[in-house]
Amino acid sequence: MQIRDVLLPNHCHAHSHDFHQIIFHVNDEALFDISGIRETMNAQRGCIIPTTEKHCYKGLGDSRQVIIDLPILAFHTRVDSLFDSPCYFEADRNLVQLVRCIQSEESYFNHFPEAYLNISMGLMASLYCRIVGEKPDTKFYNRLNIPNIESFVEHHLADKISVAQLADMNHMSRGHFNELFIKQTGVSPYQFILKKRLEVAHELIVTTRKPLSLIAEQVGFSSQSALTHAFAKHFGYAPRQLRQVSC
């Protein structure tokens, strides 16, 4: 997410881009046309331009805007619908102040890239409530997309995967994420990840001749002995015993 102040040219300009834009008009007026939807924008007005939507604009006088360039993200909530089609909206004082506050702190976020997800989600929720006129359904915030989490874990078994990392990906606090995860799966995130590591290790032992030390590394264990200990505790037999039987 990038927030910038822009002085619009006093001649027509047209383009499109591969990211979403949210625009807040702050001074004088501007003529806007987003895929045939036209409006004369003035202070306290804004618009949403979904990715690839062609738009034309022309500033009238000292026409200034605050523009947010937003990469294509999936929030897995109703706010995703904001980018289904272009629209114009009223930008009240509180909303503009929120954007200005985020903009003033933007340099700090460079040190914490994951913070952008949570900040973006907060801004989108504020916009959604104003444009749609209702609060987002809480069921979207109280249910995890377990298949997506499982896919992420399976593709990052060799990496260190923390509960905090998974919580950030789902725009939740660690405590709330942990609570929902246990409620939906019956196990803790740690137990879920460990089980995945052991299942893949089991498959590699049976189907390949890779050294156990390499398998341990590929599924995220710090050493072969760590794999052996966890494996024997989970399956009831050691990795070497399984390999001897499967030969």
C-alpha atoms as a PDB file:
ATOM      1  CA  MET A   1       0.000   0.000   0.000  1.00  0.00           C
ATOM      2  CA  GLN A   2       1.305   3.429  -0.952  1.00  0.00           C
ATOM      3  CA  ILE A   3      -0.329   6.760  -0.105  1.00  0.00           C
ATOM      4  CA  ARG A   4       0.610   9.894  -2.017  1.00  0.00           C
ATOM      5  CA  ASP A   5      -0.558  13.469  -2.612  1.00  0.00           C
ATOM      6  CA  VAL A   6      -1.148  14.329  -6.259  1.00  0.00           C
ATOM      7  CA  LEU A   7      -1.775  17.600  -8.094  1.00  0.00           C
ATOM      8  CA  LEU A   8      -3.956  16.720 -11.085  1.00  0.00           C
ATOM      9  CA  PRO A   9      -3.072  18.098 -14.527  1.00  0.00           C
ATOM     10  CA  ASN A  10      -5.482  20.571 -16.120  1.00  0.00           C
ATOM     11  CA  HIS A  11      -5.727  18.441 -19.237  1.00  0.00           C
ATOM     12  CA  CYS A  12      -7.354  15.059 -19.842  1.00  0.00           C
ATOM     13  CA  HIS A  13      -5.328  12.004 -18.937  1.00  0.00           C
ATOM     14  CA  ALA A  14      -6.352   8.347 -19.288  1.00  0.00           C
ATOM     15  CA  HIS A  15      -4.802   5.085 -18.126  1.00  0.00           C
ATOM     16  CA  SER A  16      -5.337   1.855 -16.212  1.00  0.00           C
ATOM     17  CA  HIS A  17      -3.098  -0.154 -13.874  1.00  0.00           C
ATOM     18  CA  ASP A  18      -2.627  -3.609 -12.375  1.00  0.00           C
ATOM     19  CA  PHE A  19      -3.500  -2.556  -8.820  1.00  0.00           C
ATOM     20  CA  HIS A  20      -6.522  -1.079  -7.063  1.00  0.00           C
ATOM     21  CA  GLN A  21      -6.773   2.630  -6.308  1.00  0.00           C
ATOM     22  CA  ILE A  22      -8.726   4.507  -3.669  1.00  0.00           C
ATOM     23  CA  ILE A  23      -8.878   8.248  -4.260  1.00  0.00           C
ATOM     24  CA  PHE A  24      -9.829  11.049  -1.872  1.00  0.00           C
ATOM     25  CA  HIS A  25     -10.392  14.460  -3.461  1.00  0.00           C
ATOM     26  CA  VAL A  26      -9.240  17.243  -1.138  1.00  0.00           C
ATOM     27  CA  ASN A  27      -9.168  20.532  -3.079  1.00  0.00           C
ATOM     28  CA  ASP A  28     -11.066  22.258  -5.936  1.00  0.00           C
ATOM     29  CA  GLU A  29     -12.750  20.000  -8.501  1.00  0.00           C
ATOM     30  CA  ALA A  30     -11.888  17.325 -11.048  1.00  0.00           C
ATOM     31  CA  LEU A  31     -13.726  15.604 -13.875  1.00  0.00           C
ATOM     32  CA  PHE A  32     -13.607  11.820 -13.591  1.00  0.00           C
ATOM     33  CA  ASP A  33     -14.741   9.022 -15.883  1.00  0.00           C
ATOM     34  CA  ILE A  34     -14.228   5.442 -14.694  1.00  0.00           C
ATOM     35  CA  SER A  35     -15.285   2.970 -17.389  1.00  0.00           C
ATOM     36  CA  GLY A  36     -18.100   5.294 -18.464  1.00  0.00           C
ATOM     37  CA  ILE A  37     -19.195   6.293 -14.937  1.00  0.00           C
ATOM     38  CA  ARG A  38     -18.737  10.062 -14.785  1.00  0.00           C
ATOM     39  CA  GLU A  39     -18.705  12.523 -11.919  1.00  0.00           C
ATOM     40  CA  THR A  40     -17.409  15.948 -11.037  1.00  0.00           C
ATOM     41  CA  MET A  41     -15.452  15.322  -7.866  1.00  0.00           C
ATOM     42  CA  ASN A  42     -14.991  17.931  -5.171  1.00  0.00           C
ATOM     43  CA  ALA A  43     -13.689  18.026  -1.609  1.00  0.00           C
ATOM     44  CA  GLN A  44     -15.099  15.269   0.618  1.00  0.00           C
ATOM     45  CA  ARG A  45     -15.655  12.958  -2.346  1.00  0.00           C
ATOM     46  CA  GLY A  46     -13.752   9.831  -3.214  1.00  0.00           C
ATOM     47  CA  CYS A  47     -13.782   6.909  -5.611  1.00  0.00           C
ATOM     48  CA  ILE A  48     -12.637   3.309  -5.882  1.00  0.00           C
ATOM     49  CA  ILE A  49     -10.937   2.195  -9.097  1.00  0.00           C
ATOM     50  CA  PRO A  50     -10.522  -1.599  -9.344  1.00  0.00           C
ATOM     51  CA  THR A  51      -7.521  -3.008 -11.146  1.00  0.00           C
ATOM     52  CA  THR A  52      -7.509  -2.768 -14.984  1.00  0.00           C
ATOM     53  CA  GLU A  53     -10.456  -0.308 -15.026  1.00  0.00           C
ATOM     54  CA  LYS A  54      -9.684   2.436 -17.541  1.00  0.00           C
ATOM     55  CA  HIS A  55     -10.229   5.911 -16.110  1.00  0.00           C
ATOM     56  CA  CYS A  56      -9.910   9.454 -17.413  1.00  0.00           C
ATOM     57  CA  TYR A  57      -9.503  12.592 -15.327  1.00  0.00           C
ATOM     58  CA  LYS A  58      -8.892  16.309 -15.591  1.00  0.00           C
ATOM     59  CA  GLY A  59      -8.176  18.741 -12.792  1.00  0.00           C
ATOM     60  CA  LEU A  60     -10.099  22.006 -12.545  1.00  0.00           C
ATOM     61  CA  GLY A  61      -8.022  24.688 -10.856  1.00  0.00           C
ATOM     62  CA  ASP A  62      -5.725  23.654  -8.006  1.00  0.00           C
ATOM     63  CA  SER A  63      -7.119  20.119  -8.016  1.00  0.00           C
ATOM     64  CA  ARG A  64      -5.470  17.877  -5.420  1.00  0.00           C
ATOM     65  CA  GLN A  65      -6.078  14.312  -4.335  1.00  0.00           C
ATOM     66  CA  VAL A  66      -4.786  11.746  -1.882  1.00  0.00           C
ATOM     67  CA  ILE A  67      -4.316   8.498  -3.803  1.00  0.00           C
ATOM     68  CA  ILE A  68      -3.868   5.048  -2.286  1.00  0.00           C
ATOM     69  CA  ASP A  69      -2.276   2.412  -4.508  1.00  0.00           C
ATOM     70  CA  LEU A  70      -3.366  -0.943  -3.141  1.00  0.00           C
ATOM     71  CA  PRO A  71      -1.992  -4.281  -4.377  1.00  0.00           C
ATOM     72  CA  ILE A  72      -4.522  -6.976  -5.155  1.00  0.00           C
ATOM     73  CA  LEU A  73      -5.153  -8.650  -1.803  1.00  0.00           C
ATOM     74  CA  ALA A  74      -7.703 -11.216  -0.692  1.00  0.00           C
ATOM     75  CA  PHE A  75      -9.070 -10.263   2.714  1.00  0.00           C
ATOM     76  CA  HIS A  76     -11.527 -13.210   2.714  1.00  0.00           C
ATOM     77  CA  THR A  77     -14.288 -10.930   4.005  1.00  0.00           C
ATOM     78  CA  ARG A  78     -17.060  -8.831   2.530  1.00  0.00           C
ATOM     79  CA  VAL A  79     -14.662  -5.948   1.961  1.00  0.00           C
ATOM     80  CA  ASP A  80     -13.343  -7.775  -1.115  1.00  0.00           C
ATOM     81  CA  SER A  81     -16.612  -6.787  -2.815  1.00  0.00           C
ATOM     82  CA  LEU A  82     -15.522  -3.127  -2.733  1.00  0.00           C
ATOM     83  CA  PHE A  83     -13.381  -3.864  -5.782  1.00  0.00           C
ATOM     84  CA  ASP A  84     -16.033  -5.691  -7.805  1.00  0.00           C
ATOM     85  CA  SER A  85     -16.826  -2.488  -9.714  1.00  0.00           C
ATOM     86  CA  PRO A  86     -15.867   1.207  -9.653  1.00  0.00           C
ATOM     87  CA  CYS A  87     -17.825   3.558  -7.412  1.00  0.00           C
ATOM     88  CA  TYR A  88     -17.851   7.056  -5.931  1.00  0.00           C
ATOM     89  CA  PHE A  89     -18.417   7.745  -2.241  1.00  0.00           C
ATOM     90  CA  GLU A  90     -18.684  10.472   0.389  1.00  0.00           C
ATOM     91  CA  ALA A  91     -15.396  10.900   2.245  1.00  0.00           C
ATOM     92  CA  ASP A  92     -16.311  12.269   5.667  1.00  0.00           C
ATOM     93  CA  ARG A  93     -13.862  14.013   7.958  1.00  0.00           C
ATOM     94  CA  ASN A  94     -13.098  10.956  10.108  1.00  0.00           C
ATOM     95  CA  LEU A  95     -12.291   8.825   7.074  1.00  0.00           C
ATOM     96  CA  VAL A  96      -9.948  11.455   5.635  1.00  0.00           C
ATOM     97  CA  GLN A  97      -8.261  11.853   9.024  1.00  0.00           C
ATOM     98  CA  LEU A  98      -7.734   8.083   9.177  1.00  0.00           C
ATOM     99  CA  VAL A  99      -6.013   8.138   5.788  1.00  0.00           C
ATOM    100  CA  ARG A 100      -3.870  11.118   6.794  1.00  0.00           C
ATOM    101  CA  CYS A 101      -2.878   9.380  10.019  1.00  0.00           C
ATOM    102  CA  ILE A 102      -1.816   6.242   8.131  1.00  0.00           C
ATOM    103  CA  GLN A 103       0.087   8.408   5.667  1.00  0.00           C
ATOM    104  CA  SER A 104       1.970  10.243   8.432  1.00  0.00           C
ATOM    105  CA  GLU A 105       3.103   6.942   9.969  1.00  0.00           C
ATOM    106  CA  GLU A 106       3.910   5.250   6.667  1.00  0.00           C
ATOM    107  CA  SER A 107       7.693   5.461   7.046  1.00  0.00           C
ATOM    108  CA  TYR A 108       7.530   3.368  10.221  1.00  0.00           C
ATOM    109  CA  PHE A 109       5.617   0.604   8.469  1.00  0.00           C
ATOM    110  CA  ASN A 110       8.583   0.006   6.164  1.00  0.00           C
ATOM    111  CA  HIS A 111      10.185  -1.791   9.102  1.00  0.00           C
ATOM    112  CA  PHE A 112       7.083  -3.954   9.626  1.00  0.00           C
ATOM    113  CA  PRO A 113       5.708  -4.937   6.189  1.00  0.00           C
ATOM    114  CA  GLU A 114       3.197  -7.324   7.756  1.00  0.00           C
ATOM    115  CA  ALA A 115       1.534  -4.316   9.409  1.00  0.00           C
ATOM    116  CA  TYR A 116       0.244  -3.179   6.016  1.00  0.00           C
ATOM    117  CA  LEU A 117      -2.181  -6.109   5.886  1.00  0.00           C
ATOM    118  CA  ASN A 118      -3.829  -5.151   9.157  1.00  0.00           C
ATOM    119  CA  ILE A 119      -3.853  -1.442   8.329  1.00  0.00           C
ATOM    120  CA  SER A 120      -5.301  -2.106   4.881  1.00  0.00           C
ATOM    121  CA  MET A 121      -7.987  -4.292   6.425  1.00  0.00           C
ATOM    122  CA  GLY A 122      -8.948  -1.560   8.888  1.00  0.00           C
ATOM    123  CA  LEU A 123      -9.226   1.061   6.161  1.00  0.00           C
ATOM    124  CA  MET A 124     -11.255  -1.282   3.940  1.00  0.00           C
ATOM    125  CA  ALA A 125     -13.640  -2.040   6.815  1.00  0.00           C
ATOM    126  CA  SER A 126     -14.214   1.699   7.368  1.00  0.00           C
ATOM    127  CA  LEU A 127     -14.903   2.198   3.667  1.00  0.00           C
ATOM    128  CA  TYR A 128     -17.205  -0.808   3.515  1.00  0.00           C
ATOM    129  CA  CYS A 129     -19.371   0.426   6.374  1.00  0.00           C
ATOM    130  CA  ARG A 130     -19.764   3.823   4.709  1.00  0.00           C
ATOM    131  CA  ILE A 131     -20.357   2.636   1.147  1.00  0.00           C
ATOM    132  CA  VAL A 132     -22.495  -0.433   1.786  1.00  0.00           C
ATOM    133  CA  GLY A 133     -24.193   1.070   4.818  1.00  0.00           C
ATOM    134  CA  GLU A 134     -23.908  -1.930   7.116  1.00  0.00           C
ATOM    135  CA  LYS A 135     -21.359  -3.591   9.321  1.00  0.00           C
ATOM    136  CA  PRO A 136     -19.536  -6.573   7.827  1.00  0.00           C
ATOM    137  CA  ASP A 137     -21.015  -9.905   8.850  1.00  0.00           C
ATOM    138  CA  THR A 138     -19.095 -11.102  11.893  1.00  0.00           C
ATOM    139  CA  LYS A 139     -19.151 -14.672  10.623  1.00  0.00           C
ATOM    140  CA  PHE A 140     -16.389 -13.699   8.184  1.00  0.00           C
ATOM    141  CA  TYR A 141     -14.189 -12.696  11.108  1.00  0.00           C
ATOM    142  CA  ASN A 142     -15.009 -15.755  13.190  1.00  0.00           C
ATOM    143  CA  ARG A 143     -14.094 -18.473  10.730  1.00  0.00           C
ATOM    144  CA  LEU A 144     -10.736 -19.452   9.269  1.00  0.00           C
ATOM    145  CA  ASN A 145     -10.069 -20.731   5.775  1.00  0.00           C
ATOM    146  CA  ILE A 146      -8.440 -23.982   6.907  1.00  0.00           C
ATOM    147  CA  PRO A 147      -7.698 -25.303   3.365  1.00  0.00           C
ATOM    148  CA  ASN A 148      -5.711 -22.128   2.623  1.00  0.00           C
ATOM    149  CA  ILE A 149      -3.777 -22.456   5.874  1.00  0.00           C
ATOM    150  CA  GLU A 150      -3.111 -26.135   5.184  1.00  0.00           C
ATOM    151  CA  SER A 151      -1.824 -25.320   1.697  1.00  0.00           C
ATOM    152  CA  PHE A 152       0.515 -22.660   3.086  1.00  0.00           C
ATOM    153  CA  VAL A 153       1.894 -25.062   5.693  1.00  0.00           C
ATOM    154  CA  GLU A 154       2.447 -27.812   3.119  1.00  0.00           C
ATOM    155  CA  HIS A 155       4.399 -25.440   0.869  1.00  0.00           C
ATOM    156  CA  HIS A 156       6.568 -24.100   3.710  1.00  0.00           C
ATOM    157  CA  LEU A 157       7.382 -27.213   5.730  1.00  0.00           C
ATOM    158  CA  ALA A 158      11.112 -26.575   5.409  1.00  0.00           C
ATOM    159  CA  ASP A 159      10.667 -23.114   6.932  1.00  0.00           C
ATOM    160  CA  LYS A 160      10.022 -22.032  10.474  1.00  0.00           C
ATOM    161  CA  ILE A 161       6.253 -21.486  10.721  1.00  0.00           C
ATOM    162  CA  SER A 162       4.994 -19.588  13.747  1.00  0.00           C
ATOM    163  CA  VAL A 163       1.464 -19.130  15.053  1.00  0.00           C
ATOM    164  CA  ALA A 164       2.065 -15.368  14.982  1.00  0.00           C
ATOM    165  CA  GLN A 165       2.864 -15.600  11.263  1.00  0.00           C
ATOM    166  CA  LEU A 166      -0.345 -17.506  10.509  1.00  0.00           C
ATOM    167  CA  ALA A 167      -2.353 -15.080  12.643  1.00  0.00           C
ATOM    168  CA  ASP A 168      -0.922 -12.090  10.741  1.00  0.00           C
ATOM    169  CA  MET A 169      -1.813 -13.731   7.433  1.00  0.00           C
ATOM    170  CA  ASN A 170      -5.413 -13.968   8.627  1.00  0.00           C
ATOM    171  CA  HIS A 171      -5.485 -10.406  10.033  1.00  0.00           C
ATOM    172  CA  MET A 172      -6.056 -11.612  13.604  1.00  0.00           C
ATOM    173  CA  SER A 173      -4.384 -11.490  16.960  1.00  0.00           C
ATOM    174  CA  ARG A 174      -2.461 -14.612  17.917  1.00  0.00           C
ATOM    175  CA  GLY A 175      -4.917 -15.420  20.705  1.00  0.00           C
ATOM    176  CA  HIS A 176      -8.013 -15.084  18.517  1.00  0.00           C
ATOM    177  CA  PHE A 177      -6.432 -17.114  15.718  1.00  0.00           C
ATOM    178  CA  ASN A 178      -5.416 -19.875  18.124  1.00  0.00           C
ATOM    179  CA  GLU A 179      -8.916 -20.005  19.600  1.00  0.00           C
ATOM    180  CA  LEU A 180     -10.634 -20.236  16.194  1.00  0.00           C
ATOM    181  CA  PHE A 181      -8.132 -22.787  14.901  1.00  0.00           C
ATOM    182  CA  ILE A 182      -8.713 -25.165  17.809  1.00  0.00           C
ATOM    183  CA  LYS A 183     -12.469 -24.671  17.514  1.00  0.00           C
ATOM    184  CA  GLN A 184     -12.470 -25.612  13.813  1.00  0.00           C
ATOM    185  CA  THR A 185      -9.843 -28.366  13.732  1.00  0.00           C
ATOM    186  CA  GLY A 186      -9.795 -29.783  17.248  1.00  0.00           C
ATOM    187  CA  VAL A 187      -6.022 -29.328  17.536  1.00  0.00           C
ATOM    188  CA  SER A 188      -3.688 -26.415  18.164  1.00  0.00           C
ATOM    189  CA  PRO A 189      -1.813 -24.790  15.250  1.00  0.00           C
ATOM    190  CA  TYR A 190       1.436 -26.251  16.620  1.00  0.00           C
ATOM    191  CA  GLN A 191      -0.014 -29.781  16.669  1.00  0.00           C
ATOM    192  CA  PHE A 192      -1.421 -29.285  13.172  1.00  0.00           C
ATOM    193  CA  ILE A 193       1.946 -28.194  11.754  1.00  0.00           C
ATOM    194  CA  LEU A 194       3.807 -30.996  13.540  1.00  0.00           C
ATOM    195  CA  LYS A 195       1.377 -33.596  12.187  1.00  0.00           C
ATOM    196  CA  LYS A 196       1.891 -32.287   8.641  1.00  0.00           C
ATOM    197  CA  ARG A 197       5.667 -32.460   9.013  1.00  0.00           C
ATOM    198  CA  LEU A 198       5.492 -36.048  10.250  1.00  0.00           C
ATOM    199  CA  GLU A 199       3.043 -37.168   7.559  1.00  0.00           C
ATOM    200  CA  VAL A 200       5.281 -35.824   4.791  1.00  0.00           C
ATOM    201  CA  ALA A 201       8.352 -37.335   6.463  1.00  0.00           C
ATOM    202  CA  HIS A 202       6.557 -40.697   6.578  1.00  0.00           C
ATOM    203  CA  GLU A 203       5.768 -40.476   2.863  1.00  0.00           C
ATOM    204  CA  LEU A 204       9.346 -39.534   1.937  1.00  0.00           C
ATOM    205  CA  ILE A 205      10.784 -42.394   3.988  1.00  0.00           C
ATOM    206  CA  VAL A 206       8.522 -44.904   2.234  1.00  0.00           C
ATOM    207  CA  THR A 207       8.756 -43.563  -1.326  1.00  0.00           C
ATOM    208  CA  THR A 208      12.358 -42.288  -1.554  1.00  0.00           C
ATOM    209  CA  ARG A 209      15.882 -43.313  -0.594  1.00  0.00           C
ATOM    210  CA  LYS A 210      16.777 -39.877   0.726  1.00  0.00           C
ATOM    211  CA  PRO A 211      18.926 -39.855   3.878  1.00  0.00           C
ATOM    212  CA  LEU A 212      16.926 -39.311   7.049  1.00  0.00           C
ATOM    213  CA  SER A 213      19.001 -36.217   7.798  1.00  0.00           C
ATOM    214  CA  LEU A 214      17.890 -34.654   4.496  1.00  0.00           C
ATOM    215  CA  ILE A 215      14.256 -35.602   5.072  1.00  0.00           C
ATOM    216  CA  ALA A 216      14.424 -34.015   8.517  1.00  0.00           C
ATOM    217  CA  GLU A 217      15.678 -30.793   6.951  1.00  0.00           C
ATOM    218  CA  GLN A 218      13.042 -30.818   4.196  1.00  0.00           C
ATOM    219  CA  VAL A 219      10.135 -31.130   6.612  1.00  0.00           C
ATOM    220  CA  GLY A 220      11.397 -28.540   9.074  1.00  0.00           C
ATOM    221  CA  PHE A 221      13.134 -30.439  11.881  1.00  0.00           C
ATOM    222  CA  SER A 222      16.334 -29.037  13.339  1.00  0.00           C
ATOM    223  CA  SER A 223      18.097 -32.412  13.207  1.00  0.00           C
ATOM    224  CA  GLN A 224      17.654 -36.096  12.406  1.00  0.00           C
ATOM    225  CA  SER A 225      17.408 -36.888  16.118  1.00  0.00           C
ATOM    226  CA  ALA A 226      14.591 -34.350  16.529  1.00  0.00           C
ATOM    227  CA  LEU A 227      12.718 -36.025  13.675  1.00  0.00           C
ATOM    228  CA  THR A 228      13.322 -39.497  15.129  1.00  0.00           C
ATOM    229  CA  HIS A 229      12.041 -38.494  18.564  1.00  0.00           C
ATOM    230  CA  ALA A 230       8.857 -36.834  17.252  1.00  0.00           C
ATOM    231  CA  PHE A 231       8.283 -39.584  14.671  1.00  0.00           C
ATOM    232  CA  ALA A 232       8.523 -42.428  17.199  1.00  0.00           C
ATOM    233  CA  LYS A 233       6.254 -40.608  19.631  1.00  0.00           C
ATOM    234  CA  HIS A 234       3.606 -40.030  16.953  1.00  0.00           C
ATOM    235  CA  PHE A 235       3.679 -43.329  15.009  1.00  0.00           C
ATOM    236  CA  GLY A 236       4.997 -45.710  17.663  1.00  0.00           C
ATOM    237  CA  TYR A 237       8.076 -46.774  15.681  1.00  0.00           C
ATOM    238  CA  ALA A 238      11.305 -45.137  14.516  1.00  0.00           C
ATOM    239  CA  PRO A 239      11.978 -43.840  10.979  1.00  0.00           C
ATOM    240  CA  ARG A 240      14.696 -46.485  10.444  1.00  0.00           C
ATOM    241  CA  GLN A 241      12.231 -49.252  11.302  1.00  0.00           C
ATOM    242  CA  LEU A 242       9.787 -47.920   8.715  1.00  0.00           C
ATOM    243  CA  ARG A 243      12.500 -47.741   6.069  1.00  0.00           C
ATOM    244  CA  GLN A 244      13.606 -51.315   6.747  1.00  0.00           C
ATOM    245  CA  VAL A 245      10.037 -52.565   6.342  1.00  0.00           C
ATOM    246  CA  SER A 246       9.430 -50.544   3.168  1.00  0.00           C
ATOM    247  CA  CYS A 247      12.641 -51.653   1.423  1.00  0.00           C
END
